[in-house]
Each structure stands twice: as structure tokens, then as C-alpha cells.
Amino acid sequence: MTRLLAVTMAAALLACATPSASADPPAWKRCQDDASSDDVRIAACTAVIASGRAKRASLAKAYLSRCEAQGGKYTRLAAGSGATSSRDDIL
């Protein structure tokens, strides 16, 4: 019985483990990859943001990376997304 409980607990912990950045680790890598085209980075960062699974620090990095890919146009990225353009509100 103890062994079954240990196996069940281990399986539960593994099932709960998620990547820290997003539900889609390849999207996170593309979001952070300066070698990717701007369109690829924007799409990947948007996917990370929309996933709702990014931790606060990773979410801030995704917003920043997406903004850099847009050439620093912060307000353009926040418009229509319901997101704030203030970094302090994210952190």
C-alpha cells in the first residue's frame, strides 16, 4: 500500500509539473530567440502571453521581447489586447 501511494504521489507531481514560461516550450524559445524573424517572435510571444500559464517574470519578458520585435512600439502592442503598457503593472 505504501509503495502504491508513493507511485501515485510521484505521478501526481509529474502531472502537475509545467514549464515555467508557457504551456508551449518551443513558443517560449522562439519568443526569446533574437535570431528569429520579427513576425515569428511576435507570434510566439503572443502565444506565450495568451497561454495564461507564464509566471509573472516570464510574462514580463514575453511582453518585452514582443515589443522589441515590434521596434519598441509599446502602445501599439497593448492596444486592443486589454494589456497594460506599463512595465510596473506587470512586475
Foldseek 3Di string as FASTA:
>chain_A
DVVVVVVVVVVVVVVPDADQQANDVVLLVQLPDPPHQLVSNLVSLVRSLVRPRHDLVSVLSSLVSNCVSVVNPQVVVCPPPVDDSDSVVSD
